[in-house]
Amino acid sequence: MEKSIKTSALNYGLYLGLALALITVIVWAVSLDLFVQWWFSIGLFVLIVVVGLISASKSKKLLGGFISFKDAFTSYFLTIVVGTLISTVIGFIIFNVVDPESAAELNEQILLLTKERMEQFGAPDEVIKEQLAKAQDKDNFALGTQLTNYAIGLVIYAIVGLIGAAIIKKNNPDQA
């Protein structure tokens, strides 16, 4: 991967990380309830994917309109890795150092939503109680949980990125 497209991908990753950090801080300051809304999570997912795809497209332009599948994916994925890492670190700091009470409140809201969803899907009371007991012992903002969520997120974004890279790639016909 050329240095210029690597630099571009890193820059887009920093922009993404800054945007996600800003969103996290604003939502934390304004209303914690937004963190547990399904549409909020989908919005963040779309934002992350779009910035990753923009990064890959920018790399294609930097390479004169041609980009290999590998370079397109690498540009996309590097942007995602950097951006979501920054966001994860900021979230960890906010919910473990600055305001652990917010983390406890969000953990409680997650439990309530889990119970509601299980009831909506007709889960038996015994299963609901068992799952809630397990979930109560889990701290969604602990370092291990955050790192696990980060890794799982990267796998999901990688799958989307493979599809995006396949669409964005364009081989140079002069370089058979």
N, C-alpha and C. Protein backbone atom coordinates (compact mmCIF):
# COMPACT_ATOMS: atom_id res chain seq x y z
N MET A 1 0.85 -1.17 0.00
CA MET A 1 0.00 0.00 0.00
C MET A 1 0.90 1.24 0.00
N GLU A 2 0.61 2.14 -0.89
CA GLU A 2 1.40 3.36 -1.00
C GLU A 2 1.22 4.23 0.24
N LYS A 3 2.29 4.99 0.52
CA LYS A 3 2.28 5.83 1.71
C LYS A 3 1.16 6.88 1.66
N SER A 4 0.90 7.45 0.49
CA SER A 4 -0.11 8.51 0.41
C SER A 4 -1.51 7.98 0.71
N ILE A 5 -1.83 6.77 0.27
CA ILE A 5 -3.17 6.27 0.56
C ILE A 5 -3.25 5.76 2.00
N LYS A 6 -2.13 5.30 2.55
CA LYS A 6 -2.11 4.91 3.95
C LYS A 6 -2.33 6.15 4.83
N THR A 7 -1.66 7.24 4.48
CA THR A 7 -1.83 8.49 5.21
C THR A 7 -3.26 8.99 5.10
N SER A 8 -3.82 8.89 3.92
CA SER A 8 -5.22 9.30 3.71
C SER A 8 -6.15 8.46 4.58
N ALA A 9 -5.95 7.15 4.60
CA ALA A 9 -6.80 6.27 5.41
C ALA A 9 -6.66 6.59 6.89
N LEU A 10 -5.45 6.84 7.34
CA LEU A 10 -5.23 7.21 8.75
C LEU A 10 -5.93 8.52 9.08
N ASN A 11 -5.84 9.49 8.16
CA ASN A 11 -6.52 10.76 8.39
C ASN A 11 -8.03 10.58 8.48
N TYR A 12 -8.60 9.79 7.58
CA TYR A 12 -10.04 9.53 7.66
C TYR A 12 -10.39 8.80 8.96
N GLY A 13 -9.51 7.91 9.41
CA GLY A 13 -9.72 7.24 10.68
C GLY A 13 -9.74 8.23 11.85
N LEU A 14 -8.84 9.21 11.79
CA LEU A 14 -8.82 10.25 12.84
C LEU A 14 -10.09 11.10 12.79
N TYR A 15 -10.53 11.44 11.57
CA TYR A 15 -11.78 12.21 11.43
C TYR A 15 -12.96 11.40 11.99
N LEU A 16 -13.00 10.12 11.64
CA LEU A 16 -14.07 9.26 12.12
C LEU A 16 -14.03 9.16 13.64
N GLY A 17 -12.83 8.93 14.18
CA GLY A 17 -12.69 8.83 15.63
C GLY A 17 -13.12 10.10 16.33
N LEU A 18 -12.75 11.25 15.77
CA LEU A 18 -13.14 12.53 16.34
C LEU A 18 -14.66 12.69 16.31
N ALA A 19 -15.27 12.35 15.17
CA ALA A 19 -16.73 12.45 15.05
C ALA A 19 -17.43 11.54 16.05
N LEU A 20 -16.97 10.29 16.15
CA LEU A 20 -17.59 9.34 17.09
C LEU A 20 -17.38 9.78 18.54
N ALA A 21 -16.20 10.28 18.84
CA ALA A 21 -15.93 10.77 20.20
C ALA A 21 -16.82 11.95 20.53
N LEU A 22 -16.97 12.86 19.59
CA LEU A 22 -17.83 14.03 19.79
C LEU A 22 -19.29 13.60 20.00
N ILE A 23 -19.75 12.68 19.19
CA ILE A 23 -21.12 12.17 19.34
C ILE A 23 -21.29 11.52 20.71
N THR A 24 -20.32 10.72 21.13
CA THR A 24 -20.39 10.05 22.43
C THR A 24 -20.45 11.07 23.56
N VAL A 25 -19.61 12.07 23.52
CA VAL A 25 -19.59 13.08 24.58
C VAL A 25 -20.89 13.87 24.60
N ILE A 26 -21.38 14.24 23.43
CA ILE A 26 -22.64 15.02 23.38
C ILE A 26 -23.81 14.19 23.90
N VAL A 27 -23.92 12.95 23.45
CA VAL A 27 -25.03 12.10 23.91
C VAL A 27 -24.91 11.85 25.41
N TRP A 28 -23.70 11.61 25.90
CA TRP A 28 -23.49 11.41 27.33
C TRP A 28 -23.94 12.65 28.11
N ALA A 29 -23.64 13.84 27.59
CA ALA A 29 -23.99 15.08 28.28
C ALA A 29 -25.48 15.40 28.18
N VAL A 30 -26.10 15.02 27.07
CA VAL A 30 -27.49 15.42 26.82
C VAL A 30 -28.49 14.39 27.30
N SER A 31 -28.33 13.13 26.89
CA SER A 31 -29.32 12.12 27.24
C SER A 31 -28.75 10.71 27.06
N LEU A 32 -28.53 10.05 28.17
CA LEU A 32 -28.01 8.68 28.13
C LEU A 32 -28.98 7.73 27.42
N ASP A 33 -30.25 8.06 27.42
CA ASP A 33 -31.26 7.20 26.81
C ASP A 33 -30.98 6.93 25.33
N LEU A 34 -30.32 7.87 24.67
CA LEU A 34 -30.04 7.68 23.25
C LEU A 34 -29.11 6.48 23.01
N PHE A 35 -28.22 6.19 23.95
CA PHE A 35 -27.29 5.09 23.77
C PHE A 35 -27.98 3.74 23.61
N VAL A 36 -29.18 3.59 24.14
CA VAL A 36 -29.87 2.30 24.06
C VAL A 36 -30.97 2.26 22.99
N GLN A 37 -31.05 3.31 22.18
CA GLN A 37 -32.03 3.34 21.10
C GLN A 37 -31.48 2.58 19.89
N TRP A 38 -32.30 1.71 19.30
CA TRP A 38 -31.84 0.91 18.17
C TRP A 38 -31.42 1.78 17.00
N TRP A 39 -32.15 2.85 16.73
CA TRP A 39 -31.86 3.70 15.58
C TRP A 39 -30.54 4.46 15.76
N PHE A 40 -30.17 4.73 16.99
CA PHE A 40 -28.90 5.40 17.27
C PHE A 40 -27.73 4.49 16.89
N SER A 41 -27.84 3.23 17.27
CA SER A 41 -26.80 2.26 16.94
C SER A 41 -26.69 2.06 15.43
N ILE A 42 -27.82 1.99 14.75
CA ILE A 42 -27.81 1.83 13.30
C ILE A 42 -27.20 3.07 12.64
N GLY A 43 -27.53 4.24 13.15
CA GLY A 43 -26.96 5.47 12.61
C GLY A 43 -25.45 5.51 12.73
N LEU A 44 -24.93 5.08 13.89
CA LEU A 44 -23.47 5.03 14.07
C LEU A 44 -22.84 4.02 13.13
N PHE A 45 -23.48 2.87 12.98
CA PHE A 45 -22.99 1.83 12.06
C PHE A 45 -22.89 2.38 10.64
N VAL A 46 -23.94 3.05 10.20
CA VAL A 46 -23.95 3.61 8.84
C VAL A 46 -22.86 4.67 8.70
N LEU A 47 -22.72 5.53 9.69
CA LEU A 47 -21.68 6.56 9.65
C LEU A 47 -20.30 5.94 9.50
N ILE A 48 -20.02 4.93 10.29
CA ILE A 48 -18.72 4.26 10.26
C ILE A 48 -18.46 3.64 8.89
N VAL A 49 -19.43 2.92 8.36
CA VAL A 49 -19.27 2.27 7.05
C VAL A 49 -19.09 3.31 5.95
N VAL A 50 -19.89 4.37 5.99
CA VAL A 50 -19.80 5.40 4.95
C VAL A 50 -18.42 6.07 4.97
N VAL A 51 -17.91 6.41 6.14
CA VAL A 51 -16.59 7.04 6.21
C VAL A 51 -15.52 6.07 5.71
N GLY A 52 -15.64 4.80 6.04
CA GLY A 52 -14.70 3.80 5.53
C GLY A 52 -14.73 3.70 4.02
N LEU A 53 -15.93 3.71 3.45
CA LEU A 53 -16.06 3.64 1.99
C LEU A 53 -15.57 4.92 1.32
N ILE A 54 -15.79 6.06 1.95
CA ILE A 54 -15.26 7.32 1.42
C ILE A 54 -13.74 7.27 1.41
N SER A 55 -13.16 6.72 2.45
CA SER A 55 -11.70 6.58 2.52
C SER A 55 -11.18 5.71 1.36
N ALA A 56 -11.84 4.60 1.11
CA ALA A 56 -11.42 3.72 0.01
C ALA A 56 -11.59 4.43 -1.34
N SER A 57 -12.66 5.18 -1.50
CA SER A 57 -12.88 5.93 -2.75
C SER A 57 -11.83 7.01 -2.94
N LYS A 58 -11.47 7.67 -1.84
CA LYS A 58 -10.43 8.70 -1.91
C LYS A 58 -9.09 8.07 -2.31
N SER A 59 -8.81 6.90 -1.78
CA SER A 59 -7.58 6.19 -2.15
C SER A 59 -7.58 5.85 -3.64
N LYS A 60 -8.74 5.48 -4.15
CA LYS A 60 -8.86 5.17 -5.57
C LYS A 60 -8.53 6.41 -6.40
N LYS A 61 -9.03 7.56 -5.98
CA LYS A 61 -8.73 8.80 -6.70
C LYS A 61 -7.24 9.12 -6.63
N LEU A 62 -6.63 8.90 -5.45
CA LEU A 62 -5.20 9.17 -5.29
C LEU A 62 -4.35 8.27 -6.19
N LEU A 63 -4.88 7.12 -6.53
CA LEU A 63 -4.16 6.18 -7.39
C LEU A 63 -4.54 6.34 -8.87
N GLY A 64 -5.17 7.44 -9.21
CA GLY A 64 -5.49 7.72 -10.62
C GLY A 64 -6.74 7.02 -11.11
N GLY A 65 -7.63 6.64 -10.21
CA GLY A 65 -8.89 6.02 -10.61
C GLY A 65 -8.86 4.50 -10.64
N PHE A 66 -7.73 3.92 -10.29
CA PHE A 66 -7.61 2.47 -10.26
C PHE A 66 -7.14 2.04 -8.87
N ILE A 67 -7.72 0.98 -8.35
CA ILE A 67 -7.31 0.48 -7.04
C ILE A 67 -7.56 -1.03 -6.99
N SER A 68 -6.65 -1.73 -6.39
CA SER A 68 -6.82 -3.17 -6.25
C SER A 68 -7.81 -3.45 -5.12
N PHE A 69 -8.33 -4.64 -5.11
CA PHE A 69 -9.23 -5.07 -4.04
C PHE A 69 -8.53 -4.94 -2.69
N LYS A 70 -7.29 -5.39 -2.63
CA LYS A 70 -6.52 -5.36 -1.39
C LYS A 70 -6.33 -3.93 -0.88
N ASP A 71 -5.95 -3.01 -1.77
CA ASP A 71 -5.74 -1.63 -1.35
C ASP A 71 -7.06 -0.96 -0.94
N ALA A 72 -8.13 -1.26 -1.64
CA ALA A 72 -9.44 -0.69 -1.29
C ALA A 72 -9.87 -1.17 0.10
N PHE A 73 -9.72 -2.48 0.33
CA PHE A 73 -10.10 -3.02 1.63
C PHE A 73 -9.20 -2.49 2.74
N THR A 74 -7.90 -2.43 2.48
CA THR A 74 -6.96 -1.95 3.48
C THR A 74 -7.25 -0.51 3.86
N SER A 75 -7.54 0.32 2.89
CA SER A 75 -7.86 1.72 3.15
C SER A 75 -9.13 1.83 4.01
N TYR A 76 -10.16 1.08 3.61
CA TYR A 76 -11.41 1.06 4.36
C TYR A 76 -11.16 0.58 5.80
N PHE A 77 -10.48 -0.55 5.92
CA PHE A 77 -10.33 -1.18 7.23
C PHE A 77 -9.42 -0.37 8.16
N LEU A 78 -8.38 0.22 7.63
CA LEU A 78 -7.50 1.06 8.45
C LEU A 78 -8.28 2.24 9.02
N THR A 79 -9.13 2.83 8.22
CA THR A 79 -9.98 3.92 8.69
C THR A 79 -10.88 3.45 9.82
N ILE A 80 -11.50 2.30 9.65
CA ILE A 80 -12.41 1.76 10.66
C ILE A 80 -11.66 1.43 11.96
N VAL A 81 -10.50 0.79 11.83
CA VAL A 81 -9.72 0.40 13.01
C VAL A 81 -9.37 1.62 13.84
N VAL A 82 -8.85 2.65 13.20
CA VAL A 82 -8.43 3.85 13.92
C VAL A 82 -9.63 4.58 14.52
N GLY A 83 -10.66 4.80 13.71
CA GLY A 83 -11.83 5.54 14.17
C GLY A 83 -12.55 4.88 15.33
N THR A 84 -12.79 3.58 15.22
CA THR A 84 -13.53 2.90 16.29
C THR A 84 -12.66 2.68 17.52
N LEU A 85 -11.34 2.60 17.35
CA LEU A 85 -10.45 2.50 18.51
C LEU A 85 -10.51 3.79 19.33
N ILE A 86 -10.45 4.92 18.66
CA ILE A 86 -10.56 6.20 19.36
C ILE A 86 -11.88 6.28 20.11
N SER A 87 -12.96 5.90 19.44
CA SER A 87 -14.28 5.92 20.06
C SER A 87 -14.36 5.00 21.27
N THR A 88 -13.78 3.82 21.15
CA THR A 88 -13.79 2.85 22.25
C THR A 88 -13.02 3.40 23.45
N VAL A 89 -11.87 3.99 23.21
CA VAL A 89 -11.06 4.56 24.29
C VAL A 89 -11.81 5.70 24.99
N ILE A 90 -12.42 6.58 24.19
CA ILE A 90 -13.16 7.70 24.78
C ILE A 90 -14.34 7.18 25.60
N GLY A 91 -15.07 6.21 25.07
CA GLY A 91 -16.19 5.62 25.80
C GLY A 91 -15.73 4.98 27.10
N PHE A 92 -14.62 4.26 27.05
CA PHE A 92 -14.09 3.63 28.26
C PHE A 92 -13.74 4.69 29.30
N ILE A 93 -13.09 5.76 28.88
CA ILE A 93 -12.71 6.82 29.82
C ILE A 93 -13.94 7.47 30.43
N ILE A 94 -14.92 7.78 29.60
CA ILE A 94 -16.14 8.44 30.12
C ILE A 94 -16.84 7.55 31.14
N PHE A 95 -17.06 6.28 30.78
CA PHE A 95 -17.90 5.42 31.61
C PHE A 95 -17.17 4.68 32.72
N ASN A 96 -15.84 4.77 32.75
CA ASN A 96 -15.10 4.10 33.82
C ASN A 96 -14.30 5.07 34.69
N VAL A 97 -13.97 6.23 34.16
CA VAL A 97 -13.17 7.18 34.92
C VAL A 97 -13.98 8.43 35.27
N VAL A 98 -14.55 9.06 34.26
CA VAL A 98 -15.25 10.33 34.46
C VAL A 98 -16.59 10.15 35.17
N ASP A 99 -17.40 9.18 34.71
CA ASP A 99 -18.77 9.06 35.22
C ASP A 99 -19.23 7.60 35.29
N PRO A 100 -18.70 6.82 36.23
CA PRO A 100 -19.11 5.42 36.35
C PRO A 100 -20.60 5.23 36.68
N GLU A 101 -21.22 6.26 37.27
CA GLU A 101 -22.65 6.17 37.57
C GLU A 101 -23.48 6.07 36.30
N SER A 102 -23.03 6.74 35.24
CA SER A 102 -23.73 6.64 33.96
C SER A 102 -23.65 5.22 33.41
N ALA A 103 -22.51 4.58 33.60
CA ALA A 103 -22.36 3.19 33.15
C ALA A 103 -23.33 2.29 33.89
N ALA A 104 -23.46 2.49 35.21
CA ALA A 104 -24.40 1.69 36.00
C ALA A 104 -25.83 1.92 35.53
N GLU A 105 -26.16 3.17 35.24
CA GLU A 105 -27.50 3.50 34.75
C GLU A 105 -27.77 2.84 33.39
N LEU A 106 -26.78 2.89 32.50
CA LEU A 106 -26.96 2.27 31.19
C LEU A 106 -27.04 0.75 31.30
N ASN A 107 -26.25 0.15 32.18
CA ASN A 107 -26.35 -1.29 32.40
C ASN A 107 -27.76 -1.67 32.83
N GLU A 108 -28.36 -0.85 33.70
CA GLU A 108 -29.73 -1.10 34.17
C GLU A 108 -30.73 -0.97 33.02
N GLN A 109 -30.55 0.06 32.19
CA GLN A 109 -31.44 0.24 31.04
C GLN A 109 -31.32 -0.92 30.05
N ILE A 110 -30.12 -1.42 29.88
CA ILE A 110 -29.91 -2.56 28.99
C ILE A 110 -30.63 -3.80 29.53
N LEU A 111 -30.58 -3.99 30.84
CA LEU A 111 -31.31 -5.11 31.45
C LEU A 111 -32.81 -4.99 31.21
N LEU A 112 -33.35 -3.79 31.40
CA LEU A 112 -34.78 -3.58 31.19
C LEU A 112 -35.17 -3.82 29.73
N LEU A 113 -34.35 -3.34 28.81
CA LEU A 113 -34.63 -3.57 27.39
C LEU A 113 -34.55 -5.05 27.03
N THR A 114 -33.58 -5.73 27.62
CA THR A 114 -33.44 -7.17 27.38
C THR A 114 -34.69 -7.90 27.84
N LYS A 115 -35.18 -7.55 29.03
CA LYS A 115 -36.39 -8.17 29.56
C LYS A 115 -37.59 -7.89 28.66
N GLU A 116 -37.75 -6.64 28.24
CA GLU A 116 -38.86 -6.27 27.37
C GLU A 116 -38.83 -7.05 26.06
N ARG A 117 -37.65 -7.14 25.45
CA ARG A 117 -37.51 -7.83 24.17
C ARG A 117 -37.82 -9.31 24.32
N MET A 118 -37.33 -9.91 25.40
CA MET A 118 -37.59 -11.34 25.61
C MET A 118 -39.07 -11.59 25.83
N GLU A 119 -39.75 -10.68 26.54
CA GLU A 119 -41.20 -10.82 26.74
C GLU A 119 -41.94 -10.66 25.42
N GLN A 120 -41.50 -9.70 24.59
CA GLN A 120 -42.14 -9.49 23.30
C GLN A 120 -42.03 -10.72 22.40
N PHE A 121 -40.91 -11.44 22.51
CA PHE A 121 -40.72 -12.63 21.71
C PHE A 121 -41.31 -13.88 22.36
N GLY A 122 -41.99 -13.71 23.50
CA GLY A 122 -42.68 -14.81 24.13
C GLY A 122 -41.81 -15.80 24.88
N ALA A 123 -40.67 -15.35 25.36
CA ALA A 123 -39.78 -16.24 26.11
C ALA A 123 -40.44 -16.60 27.45
N PRO A 124 -40.29 -17.83 27.90
CA PRO A 124 -40.86 -18.24 29.18
C PRO A 124 -40.22 -17.45 30.34
N ASP A 125 -41.00 -17.22 31.40
CA ASP A 125 -40.52 -16.46 32.54
C ASP A 125 -39.24 -17.04 33.13
N GLU A 126 -39.15 -18.36 33.16
CA GLU A 126 -37.96 -19.02 33.72
C GLU A 126 -36.70 -18.66 32.91
N VAL A 127 -36.83 -18.67 31.60
CA VAL A 127 -35.70 -18.34 30.73
C VAL A 127 -35.32 -16.86 30.90
N ILE A 128 -36.34 -16.01 31.00
CA ILE A 128 -36.09 -14.58 31.18
C ILE A 128 -35.32 -14.34 32.47
N LYS A 129 -35.76 -14.97 33.56
CA LYS A 129 -35.09 -14.79 34.85
C LYS A 129 -33.65 -15.28 34.79
N GLU A 130 -33.45 -16.41 34.12
CA GLU A 130 -32.11 -16.99 34.01
C GLU A 130 -31.18 -16.07 33.21
N GLN A 131 -31.67 -15.56 32.09
CA GLN A 131 -30.86 -14.68 31.24
C GLN A 131 -30.57 -13.34 31.93
N LEU A 132 -31.56 -12.81 32.64
CA LEU A 132 -31.35 -11.55 33.35
C LEU A 132 -30.35 -11.71 34.49
N ALA A 133 -30.37 -12.87 35.15
CA ALA A 133 -29.39 -13.13 36.22
C ALA A 133 -27.98 -13.14 35.64
N LYS A 134 -27.82 -13.76 34.47
CA LYS A 134 -26.51 -13.78 33.81
C LYS A 134 -26.10 -12.36 33.39
N ALA A 135 -27.06 -11.64 32.82
CA ALA A 135 -26.77 -10.29 32.32
C ALA A 135 -26.45 -9.31 33.45
N GLN A 136 -27.04 -9.53 34.61
CA GLN A 136 -26.79 -8.65 35.75
C GLN A 136 -25.34 -8.71 36.20
N ASP A 137 -24.71 -9.84 36.01
CA ASP A 137 -23.31 -10.01 36.42
C ASP A 137 -22.34 -9.40 35.40
N LYS A 138 -22.84 -9.00 34.26
CA LYS A 138 -21.98 -8.47 33.19
C LYS A 138 -21.93 -6.95 33.25
N ASP A 139 -20.72 -6.41 33.24
CA ASP A 139 -20.53 -4.97 33.15
C ASP A 139 -20.21 -4.64 31.69
N ASN A 140 -21.15 -4.01 31.02
CA ASN A 140 -20.99 -3.70 29.60
C ASN A 140 -19.88 -2.70 29.32
N PHE A 141 -19.36 -2.05 30.36
CA PHE A 141 -18.35 -1.02 30.17
C PHE A 141 -16.99 -1.40 30.74
N ALA A 142 -16.85 -2.65 31.18
CA ALA A 142 -15.56 -3.14 31.67
C ALA A 142 -14.59 -3.25 30.50
N LEU A 143 -13.31 -3.19 30.81
CA LEU A 143 -12.29 -3.22 29.75
C LEU A 143 -12.40 -4.46 28.88
N GLY A 144 -12.55 -5.62 29.49
CA GLY A 144 -12.67 -6.86 28.73
C GLY A 144 -13.87 -6.86 27.80
N THR A 145 -14.99 -6.38 28.29
CA THR A 145 -16.20 -6.32 27.47
C THR A 145 -16.02 -5.34 26.33
N GLN A 146 -15.40 -4.19 26.62
CA GLN A 146 -15.17 -3.19 25.58
C GLN A 146 -14.24 -3.73 24.49
N LEU A 147 -13.18 -4.43 24.90
CA LEU A 147 -12.26 -4.99 23.91
C LEU A 147 -12.92 -6.09 23.08
N THR A 148 -13.74 -6.90 23.73
CA THR A 148 -14.48 -7.94 23.01
C THR A 148 -15.43 -7.31 22.00
N ASN A 149 -16.18 -6.30 22.43
CA ASN A 149 -17.11 -5.61 21.53
C ASN A 149 -16.36 -4.95 20.37
N TYR A 150 -15.19 -4.39 20.66
CA TYR A 150 -14.37 -3.77 19.62
C TYR A 150 -13.97 -4.81 18.57
N ALA A 151 -13.50 -5.96 19.03
CA ALA A 151 -13.08 -7.03 18.12
C ALA A 151 -14.25 -7.56 17.29
N ILE A 152 -15.38 -7.78 17.93
CA ILE A 152 -16.57 -8.26 17.21
C ILE A 152 -17.00 -7.22 16.17
N GLY A 153 -16.97 -5.96 16.56
CA GLY A 153 -17.32 -4.88 15.63
C GLY A 153 -16.40 -4.88 14.42
N LEU A 154 -15.10 -5.06 14.66
CA LEU A 154 -14.15 -5.08 13.54
C LEU A 154 -14.46 -6.21 12.57
N VAL A 155 -14.85 -7.36 13.09
CA VAL A 155 -15.21 -8.49 12.21
C VAL A 155 -16.42 -8.12 11.35
N ILE A 156 -17.42 -7.52 11.97
CA ILE A 156 -18.63 -7.13 11.23
C ILE A 156 -18.29 -6.08 10.17
N TYR A 157 -17.51 -5.07 10.57
CA TYR A 157 -17.13 -4.03 9.62
C TYR A 157 -16.25 -4.60 8.51
N ALA A 158 -15.43 -5.59 8.81
CA ALA A 158 -14.58 -6.22 7.80
C ALA A 158 -15.44 -6.91 6.74
N ILE A 159 -16.48 -7.58 7.17
CA ILE A 159 -17.37 -8.26 6.22
C ILE A 159 -18.00 -7.24 5.28
N VAL A 160 -18.49 -6.15 5.84
CA VAL A 160 -19.07 -5.08 5.01
C VAL A 160 -18.00 -4.49 4.10
N GLY A 161 -16.79 -4.32 4.65
CA GLY A 161 -15.69 -3.76 3.88
C GLY A 161 -15.26 -4.63 2.72
N LEU A 162 -15.34 -5.95 2.87
CA LEU A 162 -15.02 -6.85 1.76
C LEU A 162 -15.97 -6.63 0.59
N ILE A 163 -17.23 -6.45 0.93
CA ILE A 163 -18.23 -6.18 -0.11
C ILE A 163 -17.95 -4.83 -0.76
N GLY A 164 -17.71 -3.82 0.09
CA GLY A 164 -17.41 -2.48 -0.42
C GLY A 164 -16.17 -2.44 -1.29
N ALA A 165 -15.12 -3.13 -0.86
CA ALA A 165 -13.88 -3.16 -1.63
C ALA A 165 -14.08 -3.84 -2.99
N ALA A 166 -14.92 -4.87 -3.02
CA ALA A 166 -15.21 -5.55 -4.28
C ALA A 166 -15.92 -4.60 -5.25
N ILE A 167 -16.75 -3.73 -4.71
CA ILE A 167 -17.48 -2.77 -5.55
C ILE A 167 -16.55 -1.63 -6.00
N ILE A 168 -15.70 -1.16 -5.10
CA ILE A 168 -14.85 0.00 -5.38
C ILE A 168 -13.66 -0.34 -6.27
N LYS A 169 -13.15 -1.55 -6.16
CA LYS A 169 -11.92 -1.91 -6.89
C LYS A 169 -12.09 -1.70 -8.40
N LYS A 170 -11.00 -1.28 -8.99
CA LYS A 170 -11.00 -1.13 -10.45
C LYS A 170 -9.57 -1.35 -10.89
N ASN A 171 -9.36 -2.43 -11.61
CA ASN A 171 -8.02 -2.76 -12.07
C ASN A 171 -7.63 -1.92 -13.28
N ASN A 172 -6.37 -1.57 -13.33
CA ASN A 172 -5.84 -0.79 -14.45
C ASN A 172 -5.61 -1.75 -15.62
N PRO A 173 -6.29 -1.53 -16.75
CA PRO A 173 -6.14 -2.45 -17.89
C PRO A 173 -4.73 -2.40 -18.48
N ASP A 174 -3.97 -1.34 -18.23
CA ASP A 174 -2.61 -1.23 -18.73
C ASP A 174 -1.64 -2.11 -17.93
N GLN A 175 -2.06 -2.53 -16.75
CA GLN A 175 -1.22 -3.38 -15.90
C GLN A 175 -1.84 -4.76 -15.81
N ALA A 176 -1.68 -5.54 -16.81
CA ALA A 176 -2.29 -6.87 -16.88
C ALA A 176 -1.76 -7.71 -15.81
